[in-house]
Amino acid sequence: MGINSQKAPKLVVSELAEKFVKNVEDVVKVDQEVTVKVIGIDEQGRIKLSLKQAKE
């Protein structure tokens, strides 16, 4: 599903995996489609996403 938003959703490194991620491309590749969970929307309207919580 696409997200219709003025602000680009953010998937931060700490939400990619349970373990430490040194290189983002060890977990995901550019243009790879992944399933994520929306974990919040900050005061500026940015959507925060989590890959690791989507796997739970």
C-alpha atoms as a PDB file:
ATOM      1  CA  MET A   1       0.000   0.000   0.000  1.00  0.00           C
ATOM      2  CA  GLY A   2       1.314   3.454  -0.763  1.00  0.00           C
ATOM      3  CA  ILE A   3       1.191   6.297   1.714  1.00  0.00           C
ATOM      4  CA  ASN A   4      -0.391   9.519   0.520  1.00  0.00           C
ATOM      5  CA  SER A   5       1.438  12.130   2.573  1.00  0.00           C
ATOM      6  CA  GLN A   6       3.112  15.482   2.068  1.00  0.00           C
ATOM      7  CA  LYS A   7       5.946  14.235   4.292  1.00  0.00           C
ATOM      8  CA  ALA A   8       8.072  11.223   3.357  1.00  0.00           C
ATOM      9  CA  PRO A   9       7.754   8.348   5.830  1.00  0.00           C
ATOM     10  CA  LYS A  10      10.888   7.656   7.904  1.00  0.00           C
ATOM     11  CA  LEU A  11      12.304   4.206   8.606  1.00  0.00           C
ATOM     12  CA  VAL A  12      15.133   4.789  11.061  1.00  0.00           C
ATOM     13  CA  VAL A  13      18.109   2.439  11.375  1.00  0.00           C
ATOM     14  CA  SER A  14      17.197   1.402  14.933  1.00  0.00           C
ATOM     15  CA  GLU A  15      13.881   0.037  13.602  1.00  0.00           C
ATOM     16  CA  LEU A  16      15.409  -2.152  10.873  1.00  0.00           C
ATOM     17  CA  ALA A  17      16.423  -5.152  12.984  1.00  0.00           C
ATOM     18  CA  GLU A  18      16.769  -6.442  16.529  1.00  0.00           C
ATOM     19  CA  LYS A  19      20.553  -6.515  16.192  1.00  0.00           C
ATOM     20  CA  PHE A  20      22.940  -3.609  15.551  1.00  0.00           C
ATOM     21  CA  VAL A  21      22.874  -2.507  11.900  1.00  0.00           C
ATOM     22  CA  LYS A  22      26.177  -1.088  10.689  1.00  0.00           C
ATOM     23  CA  ASN A  23      25.215  -0.899   7.021  1.00  0.00           C
ATOM     24  CA  VAL A  24      21.561  -0.366   6.044  1.00  0.00           C
ATOM     25  CA  GLU A  25      22.052  -2.288   2.795  1.00  0.00           C
ATOM     26  CA  ASP A  26      22.854  -5.406   4.844  1.00  0.00           C
ATOM     27  CA  VAL A  27      19.141  -5.429   5.746  1.00  0.00           C
ATOM     28  CA  VAL A  28      17.357  -3.742   2.818  1.00  0.00           C
ATOM     29  CA  LYS A  29      18.252  -2.739  -0.723  1.00  0.00           C
ATOM     30  CA  VAL A  30      17.378   0.444  -2.611  1.00  0.00           C
ATOM     31  CA  ASP A  31      13.849   0.190  -4.088  1.00  0.00           C
ATOM     32  CA  GLN A  32      13.144  -3.063  -2.203  1.00  0.00           C
ATOM     33  CA  GLU A  33       9.514  -3.387  -1.144  1.00  0.00           C
ATOM     34  CA  VAL A  34       9.142  -4.281   2.517  1.00  0.00           C
ATOM     35  CA  THR A  35       6.295  -4.663   5.002  1.00  0.00           C
ATOM     36  CA  VAL A  36       6.521  -2.130   7.823  1.00  0.00           C
ATOM     37  CA  LYS A  37       4.435  -1.065  10.793  1.00  0.00           C
ATOM     38  CA  VAL A  38       3.450   2.543  11.439  1.00  0.00           C
ATOM     39  CA  ILE A  39       4.716   3.245  14.965  1.00  0.00           C
ATOM     40  CA  GLY A  40       3.846   6.905  15.192  1.00  0.00           C
ATOM     41  CA  ILE A  41       3.418  10.317  13.686  1.00  0.00           C
ATOM     42  CA  ASP A  42       5.548  13.083  15.139  1.00  0.00           C
ATOM     43  CA  GLU A  43       4.537  16.687  15.835  1.00  0.00           C
ATOM     44  CA  GLN A  44       5.717  17.678  12.339  1.00  0.00           C
ATOM     45  CA  GLY A  45       3.458  15.104  10.700  1.00  0.00           C
ATOM     46  CA  ARG A  46       6.248  12.694   9.726  1.00  0.00           C
ATOM     47  CA  ILE A  47       5.256   9.042   9.701  1.00  0.00           C
ATOM     48  CA  LYS A  48       7.605   6.778  11.666  1.00  0.00           C
ATOM     49  CA  LEU A  49       7.918   3.200  10.424  1.00  0.00           C
ATOM     50  CA  SER A  50       9.395  -0.009  11.846  1.00  0.00           C
ATOM     51  CA  LEU A  51      10.548  -3.058   9.938  1.00  0.00           C
ATOM     52  CA  LYS A  52      11.420  -5.052  13.059  1.00  0.00           C
ATOM     53  CA  GLN A  53       8.016  -4.468  14.707  1.00  0.00           C
ATOM     54  CA  ALA A  54       6.255  -5.559  11.508  1.00  0.00           C
ATOM     55  CA  LYS A  55       7.955  -8.958  11.851  1.00  0.00           C
ATOM     56  CA  GLU A  56       6.618  -9.545  15.391  1.00  0.00           C
END
